[in-house]
PDB file of all heavy atoms in Angstrom:
ATOM      1  N   ALA A   1      11.601  12.808  30.760  1.00  0.00           N
ATOM      2  CA  ALA A   1      11.232  11.514  30.182  1.00  0.00           C
ATOM      3  C   ALA A   1      12.277  10.441  30.441  1.00  0.00           C
ATOM      4  O   ALA A   1      13.351  10.750  30.998  1.00  0.00           O
ATOM      5  CB  ALA A   1      11.076  11.651  28.619  1.00  0.00           C
ATOM      6  N   GLY A   2      11.812   9.235  30.172  1.00  0.00           N
ATOM      7  CA  GLY A   2      12.761   8.094  30.447  1.00  0.00           C
ATOM      8  C   GLY A   2      11.963   6.823  30.723  1.00  0.00           C
ATOM      9  O   GLY A   2      10.774   6.666  30.347  1.00  0.00           O
ATOM     10  N   GLN A   3      12.621   5.889  31.398  1.00  0.00           N
ATOM     11  CA  GLN A   3      12.027   4.585  31.639  1.00  0.00           C
ATOM     12  C   GLN A   3      11.234   4.597  32.914  1.00  0.00           C
ATOM     13  O   GLN A   3      10.602   3.556  33.226  1.00  0.00           O
ATOM     14  CB  GLN A   3      13.162   3.538  31.808  1.00  0.00           C
ATOM     15  CG  GLN A   3      14.030   3.470  30.520  1.00  0.00           C
ATOM     16  CD  GLN A   3      15.307   2.680  30.750  1.00  0.00           C
ATOM     17  OE1 GLN A   3      15.406   1.444  30.530  1.00  0.00           O
ATOM     18  NE2 GLN A   3      16.313   3.339  31.235  1.00  0.00           N
ATOM     19  N   GLY A   4      10.992   5.681  33.526  1.00  0.00           N
ATOM     20  CA  GLY A   4      10.186   5.798  34.721  1.00  0.00           C
ATOM     21  C   GLY A   4      11.018   6.047  35.959  1.00  0.00           C
ATOM     22  O   GLY A   4      12.237   5.712  35.997  1.00  0.00           O
ATOM     23  N   ARG A   5      10.370   6.589  37.022  1.00  0.00           N
ATOM     24  CA  ARG A   5      11.106   6.915  38.274  1.00  0.00           C
ATOM     25  C   ARG A   5      11.767   5.669  38.877  1.00  0.00           C
ATOM     26  O   ARG A   5      12.886   5.835  39.472  1.00  0.00           O
ATOM     27  CB  ARG A   5      10.058   7.467  39.297  1.00  0.00           C
ATOM     28  CG  ARG A   5       9.613   8.872  38.963  1.00  0.00           C
ATOM     29  CD  ARG A   5       8.829   9.449  40.120  1.00  0.00           C
ATOM     30  NE  ARG A   5       7.533   8.742  40.269  1.00  0.00           N
ATOM     31  CZ  ARG A   5       6.377   9.199  39.760  1.00  0.00           C
ATOM     32  NH1 ARG A   5       6.359  10.284  38.973  1.00  0.00           N
ATOM     33  NH2 ARG A   5       5.240   8.510  39.965  1.00  0.00           N
ATOM     34  N   GLY A   6      11.245   4.499  38.731  1.00  0.00           N
ATOM     35  CA  GLY A   6      11.850   3.331  39.293  1.00  0.00           C
ATOM     36  C   GLY A   6      13.138   2.865  38.622  1.00  0.00           C
ATOM     37  O   GLY A   6      13.906   2.050  39.154  1.00  0.00           O
ATOM     38  N   SER A   7      13.425   3.438  37.440  1.00  0.00           N
ATOM     39  CA  SER A   7      14.622   2.956  36.653  1.00  0.00           C
ATOM     40  C   SER A   7      15.909   3.663  37.164  1.00  0.00           C
ATOM     41  O   SER A   7      16.951   3.194  36.863  1.00  0.00           O
ATOM     42  CB  SER A   7      14.457   3.263  35.192  1.00  0.00           C
ATOM     43  OG  SER A   7      14.431   4.726  34.969  1.00  0.00           O
ATOM     44  N   GLY A   8      15.795   4.734  37.844  1.00  0.00           N
ATOM     45  CA  GLY A   8      16.950   5.492  38.302  1.00  0.00           C
ATOM     46  C   GLY A   8      17.626   6.277  37.231  1.00  0.00           C
ATOM     47  O   GLY A   8      18.735   6.780  37.369  1.00  0.00           O
ATOM     48  N   ASP A   9      16.937   6.556  36.074  1.00  0.00           N
ATOM     49  CA  ASP A   9      17.529   7.304  34.964  1.00  0.00           C
ATOM     50  C   ASP A   9      17.249   8.809  35.062  1.00  0.00           C
ATOM     51  O   ASP A   9      17.582   9.540  34.124  1.00  0.00           O
ATOM     52  CB  ASP A   9      17.088   6.696  33.631  1.00  0.00           C
ATOM     53  CG  ASP A   9      15.550   6.912  33.389  1.00  0.00           C
ATOM     54  OD1 ASP A   9      14.908   7.455  34.241  1.00  0.00           O
ATOM     55  OD2 ASP A   9      15.115   6.442  32.325  1.00  0.00           O
ATOM     56  N   GLY A  10      16.659   9.207  36.189  1.00  0.00           N
ATOM     57  CA  GLY A  10      16.373  10.639  36.367  1.00  0.00           C
ATOM     58  C   GLY A  10      15.048  11.090  35.846  1.00  0.00           C
ATOM     59  O   GLY A  10      14.694  12.306  35.962  1.00  0.00           O
ATOM     60  N   SER A  11      14.265  10.174  35.330  1.00  0.00           N
ATOM     61  CA  SER A  11      12.904  10.546  34.789  1.00  0.00           C
ATOM     62  C   SER A  11      11.997  10.805  35.995  1.00  0.00           C
ATOM     63  O   SER A  11      12.113  10.300  37.077  1.00  0.00           O
ATOM     64  CB  SER A  11      12.359   9.476  33.883  1.00  0.00           C
ATOM     65  OG  SER A  11      12.338   8.208  34.519  1.00  0.00           O
ATOM     66  N   THR A  12      10.985  11.741  35.654  1.00  0.00           N
ATOM     67  CA  THR A  12      10.045  12.043  36.745  1.00  0.00           C
ATOM     68  C   THR A  12       8.645  11.408  36.518  1.00  0.00           C
ATOM     69  O   THR A  12       7.758  11.689  37.308  1.00  0.00           O
ATOM     70  CB  THR A  12       9.858  13.581  36.809  1.00  0.00           C
ATOM     71  OG1 THR A  12       9.328  14.036  35.513  1.00  0.00           O
ATOM     72  CG2 THR A  12      11.200  14.271  37.108  1.00  0.00           C
ATOM     73  N   ILE A  13       8.457  10.646  35.508  1.00  0.00           N
ATOM     74  CA  ILE A  13       7.174  10.034  35.143  1.00  0.00           C
ATOM     75  C   ILE A  13       7.068   8.618  35.797  1.00  0.00           C
ATOM     76  O   ILE A  13       8.083   8.016  36.200  1.00  0.00           O
ATOM     77  CB  ILE A  13       6.994   9.955  33.658  1.00  0.00           C
ATOM     78  CG1 ILE A  13       8.099   9.204  32.970  1.00  0.00           C
ATOM     79  CG2 ILE A  13       6.797  11.357  33.066  1.00  0.00           C
ATOM     80  CD1 ILE A  13       7.975   9.080  31.495  1.00  0.00           C
ATOM     81  N   ALA A  14       5.851   8.126  35.900  1.00  0.00           N
ATOM     82  CA  ALA A  14       5.613   6.836  36.389  1.00  0.00           C
ATOM     83  C   ALA A  14       6.147   5.791  35.429  1.00  0.00           C
ATOM     84  O   ALA A  14       6.252   6.052  34.180  1.00  0.00           O
ATOM     85  CB  ALA A  14       4.127   6.609  36.590  1.00  0.00           C
ATOM     86  N   ASP A  15       6.553   4.612  35.923  1.00  0.00           N
ATOM     87  CA  ASP A  15       7.118   3.581  35.048  1.00  0.00           C
ATOM     88  C   ASP A  15       6.120   3.132  33.973  1.00  0.00           C
ATOM     89  O   ASP A  15       6.555   2.889  32.873  1.00  0.00           O
ATOM     90  CB  ASP A  15       7.477   2.323  35.934  1.00  0.00           C
ATOM     91  CG  ASP A  15       8.629   2.624  36.912  1.00  0.00           C
ATOM     92  OD1 ASP A  15       9.071   3.786  37.036  1.00  0.00           O
ATOM     93  OD2 ASP A  15       9.076   1.697  37.633  1.00  0.00           O
ATOM     94  N   SER A  16       4.838   3.181  34.306  1.00  0.00           N
ATOM     95  CA  SER A  16       3.869   2.691  33.271  1.00  0.00           C
ATOM     96  C   SER A  16       3.763   3.718  32.175  1.00  0.00           C
ATOM     97  O   SER A  16       3.183   3.356  31.082  1.00  0.00           O
ATOM     98  CB  SER A  16       2.532   2.526  33.946  1.00  0.00           C
ATOM     99  OG  SER A  16       2.066   3.729  34.593  1.00  0.00           O
ATOM    100  N   ASP A  17       4.214   4.892  32.363  1.00  0.00           N
ATOM    101  CA  ASP A  17       4.090   5.989  31.283  1.00  0.00           C
ATOM    102  C   ASP A  17       5.374   6.194  30.541  1.00  0.00           C
ATOM    103  O   ASP A  17       5.573   7.220  29.866  1.00  0.00           O
ATOM    104  CB  ASP A  17       3.659   7.246  31.904  1.00  0.00           C
ATOM    105  CG  ASP A  17       2.313   7.103  32.699  1.00  0.00           C
ATOM    106  OD1 ASP A  17       1.488   6.379  32.283  1.00  0.00           O
ATOM    107  OD2 ASP A  17       2.191   7.789  33.787  1.00  0.00           O
ATOM    108  N   ALA A  18       6.328   5.238  30.603  1.00  0.00           N
ATOM    109  CA  ALA A  18       7.650   5.399  30.063  1.00  0.00           C
ATOM    110  C   ALA A  18       7.641   5.806  28.633  1.00  0.00           C
ATOM    111  O   ALA A  18       6.941   5.290  27.868  1.00  0.00           O
ATOM    112  CB  ALA A  18       8.400   4.105  30.243  1.00  0.00           C
ATOM    113  N   PHE A  19       8.433   6.781  28.365  1.00  0.00           N
ATOM    114  CA  PHE A  19       8.658   7.194  26.902  1.00  0.00           C
ATOM    115  C   PHE A  19       9.924   8.000  26.822  1.00  0.00           C
ATOM    116  O   PHE A  19      10.461   8.479  27.877  1.00  0.00           O
ATOM    117  CB  PHE A  19       7.440   8.044  26.428  1.00  0.00           C
ATOM    118  CG  PHE A  19       7.350   9.427  26.985  1.00  0.00           C
ATOM    119  CD1 PHE A  19       8.001  10.506  26.253  1.00  0.00           C
ATOM    120  CD2 PHE A  19       6.707   9.715  28.138  1.00  0.00           C
ATOM    121  CE1 PHE A  19       7.886  11.835  26.750  1.00  0.00           C
ATOM    122  CE2 PHE A  19       6.517  11.013  28.614  1.00  0.00           C
ATOM    123  CZ  PHE A  19       7.111  12.049  27.943  1.00  0.00           C
ATOM    124  N   GLY A  20      10.444   8.172  25.652  1.00  0.00           N
ATOM    125  CA  GLY A  20      11.660   8.921  25.400  1.00  0.00           C
ATOM    126  C   GLY A  20      11.563   9.765  24.172  1.00  0.00           C
ATOM    127  O   GLY A  20      10.665   9.652  23.360  1.00  0.00           O
ATOM    128  N   SER A  21      12.509  10.687  24.025  1.00  0.00           N
ATOM    129  CA  SER A  21      12.602  11.544  22.858  1.00  0.00           C
ATOM    130  C   SER A  21      11.281  12.276  22.503  1.00  0.00           C
ATOM    131  O   SER A  21      10.797  12.160  21.448  1.00  0.00           O
ATOM    132  CB  SER A  21      13.087  10.727  21.683  1.00  0.00           C
ATOM    133  OG  SER A  21      14.317  10.151  21.951  1.00  0.00           O
ATOM    134  N   PRO A  22      10.723  13.105  23.429  1.00  0.00           N
ATOM    135  CA  PRO A  22       9.531  13.910  23.082  1.00  0.00           C
ATOM    136  C   PRO A  22       9.841  14.893  21.949  1.00  0.00           C
ATOM    137  O   PRO A  22      10.893  15.508  21.950  1.00  0.00           O
ATOM    138  CB  PRO A  22       9.210  14.659  24.395  1.00  0.00           C
ATOM    139  CG  PRO A  22      10.509  14.748  25.154  1.00  0.00           C
ATOM    140  CD  PRO A  22      11.209  13.421  24.743  1.00  0.00           C
ATOM    141  N   ASP A  23       8.993  14.967  21.008  1.00  0.00           N
ATOM    142  CA  ASP A  23       9.164  15.789  19.814  1.00  0.00           C
ATOM    143  C   ASP A  23       7.941  16.522  19.491  1.00  0.00           C
ATOM    144  O   ASP A  23       7.789  17.699  19.862  1.00  0.00           O
ATOM    145  CB  ASP A  23       9.564  14.840  18.665  1.00  0.00           C
ATOM    146  CG  ASP A  23      10.012  15.487  17.406  1.00  0.00           C
ATOM    147  OD1 ASP A  23       9.753  16.721  17.265  1.00  0.00           O
ATOM    148  OD2 ASP A  23      10.651  14.869  16.539  1.00  0.00           O
ATOM    149  N   GLY A  24       6.889  15.963  18.844  1.00  0.00           N
ATOM    150  CA  GLY A  24       5.670  16.611  18.542  1.00  0.00           C
ATOM    151  C   GLY A  24       4.973  17.010  19.754  1.00  0.00           C
ATOM    152  O   GLY A  24       4.947  16.284  20.765  1.00  0.00           O
ATOM    153  N   LEU A  25       4.235  18.156  19.749  1.00  0.00           N
ATOM    154  CA  LEU A  25       3.569  18.689  20.929  1.00  0.00           C
ATOM    155  C   LEU A  25       2.390  19.576  20.440  1.00  0.00           C
ATOM    156  O   LEU A  25       2.501  20.400  19.543  1.00  0.00           O
ATOM    157  CB  LEU A  25       4.488  19.564  21.712  1.00  0.00           C
ATOM    158  CG  LEU A  25       4.108  19.953  23.172  1.00  0.00           C
ATOM    159  CD1 LEU A  25       4.050  18.722  24.088  1.00  0.00           C
ATOM    160  CD2 LEU A  25       5.074  20.946  23.739  1.00  0.00           C
ATOM    161  N   TRP A  26       1.192  19.315  21.101  1.00  0.00           N
ATOM    162  CA  TRP A  26       0.040  20.128  20.794  1.00  0.00           C
ATOM    163  C   TRP A  26      -0.876  20.188  21.968  1.00  0.00           C
ATOM    164  O   TRP A  26      -1.178  19.157  22.659  1.00  0.00           O
ATOM    165  CB  TRP A  26      -0.721  19.497  19.596  1.00  0.00           C
ATOM    166  CG  TRP A  26      -1.987  20.227  19.238  1.00  0.00           C
ATOM    167  CD1 TRP A  26      -2.084  21.544  18.867  1.00  0.00           C
ATOM    168  CD2 TRP A  26      -3.301  19.670  19.187  1.00  0.00           C
ATOM    169  NE1 TRP A  26      -3.452  21.811  18.544  1.00  0.00           N
ATOM    170  CE2 TRP A  26      -4.171  20.716  18.753  1.00  0.00           C
ATOM    171  CE3 TRP A  26      -3.869  18.411  19.406  1.00  0.00           C
ATOM    172  CZ2 TRP A  26      -5.568  20.500  18.628  1.00  0.00           C
ATOM    173  CZ3 TRP A  26      -5.233  18.245  19.233  1.00  0.00           C
ATOM    174  CH2 TRP A  26      -6.054  19.262  18.844  1.00  0.00           C
ATOM    175  N   ALA A  27      -1.306  21.438  22.283  1.00  0.00           N
ATOM    176  CA  ALA A  27      -2.323  21.624  23.319  1.00  0.00           C
ATOM    177  C   ALA A  27      -3.637  21.742  22.634  1.00  0.00           C
ATOM    178  O   ALA A  27      -3.904  22.684  21.883  1.00  0.00           O
ATOM    179  CB  ALA A  27      -1.998  22.890  24.164  1.00  0.00           C
ATOM    180  N   ASP A  28      -4.590  20.860  22.975  1.00  0.00           N
ATOM    181  CA  ASP A  28      -5.954  20.920  22.352  1.00  0.00           C
ATOM    182  C   ASP A  28      -6.784  22.014  23.094  1.00  0.00           C
ATOM    183  O   ASP A  28      -6.374  22.597  24.065  1.00  0.00           O
ATOM    184  CB  ASP A  28      -6.584  19.540  22.333  1.00  0.00           C
ATOM    185  CG  ASP A  28      -7.104  19.077  23.684  1.00  0.00           C
ATOM    186  OD1 ASP A  28      -7.324  19.849  24.630  1.00  0.00           O
ATOM    187  OD2 ASP A  28      -7.322  17.813  23.790  1.00  0.00           O
ATOM    188  N   PRO A  29      -7.993  22.271  22.562  1.00  0.00           N
ATOM    189  CA  PRO A  29      -8.772  23.405  23.118  1.00  0.00           C
ATOM    190  C   PRO A  29      -9.128  23.262  24.551  1.00  0.00           C
ATOM    191  O   PRO A  29      -9.394  24.226  25.241  1.00  0.00           O
ATOM    192  CB  PRO A  29     -10.014  23.391  22.202  1.00  0.00           C
ATOM    193  CG  PRO A  29      -9.517  22.854  20.920  1.00  0.00           C
ATOM    194  CD  PRO A  29      -8.559  21.791  21.299  1.00  0.00           C
ATOM    195  N   ASP A  30      -9.082  21.997  25.094  1.00  0.00           N
ATOM    196  CA  ASP A  30      -9.467  21.823  26.507  1.00  0.00           C
ATOM    197  C   ASP A  30      -8.211  21.794  27.449  1.00  0.00           C
ATOM    198  O   ASP A  30      -8.328  21.811  28.591  1.00  0.00           O
ATOM    199  CB  ASP A  30     -10.110  20.422  26.679  1.00  0.00           C
ATOM    200  CG  ASP A  30     -11.446  20.385  25.987  1.00  0.00           C
ATOM    201  OD1 ASP A  30     -12.142  21.432  25.924  1.00  0.00           O
ATOM    202  OD2 ASP A  30     -11.840  19.287  25.566  1.00  0.00           O
ATOM    203  N   GLY A  31      -7.002  21.912  26.803  1.00  0.00           N
ATOM    204  CA  GLY A  31      -5.772  21.963  27.628  1.00  0.00           C
ATOM    205  C   GLY A  31      -5.036  20.635  27.740  1.00  0.00           C
ATOM    206  O   GLY A  31      -4.053  20.548  28.469  1.00  0.00           O
ATOM    207  N   ARG A  32      -5.531  19.594  27.070  1.00  0.00           N
ATOM    208  CA  ARG A  32      -4.736  18.351  27.058  1.00  0.00           C
ATOM    209  C   ARG A  32      -3.477  18.611  26.275  1.00  0.00           C
ATOM    210  O   ARG A  32      -3.502  19.239  25.240  1.00  0.00           O
ATOM    211  CB  ARG A  32      -5.496  17.196  26.437  1.00  0.00           C
ATOM    212  CG  ARG A  32      -6.726  16.747  27.112  1.00  0.00           C
ATOM    213  CD  ARG A  32      -7.463  15.699  26.325  1.00  0.00           C
ATOM    214  NE  ARG A  32      -8.837  15.558  26.832  1.00  0.00           N
ATOM    215  CZ  ARG A  32      -9.880  16.270  26.416  1.00  0.00           C
ATOM    216  NH1 ARG A  32      -9.685  17.187  25.516  1.00  0.00           N
ATOM    217  NH2 ARG A  32     -11.063  16.120  26.987  1.00  0.00           N
TER     218      ARG A  32
END
């Protein structure tokens, strides 16, 4: 996680999907 690949902070996600501090997590019945 982080500010996005373009930020240089080591994150692997796209800049538009930027987020930090993942905590809650749930896989729904379809696999989302």
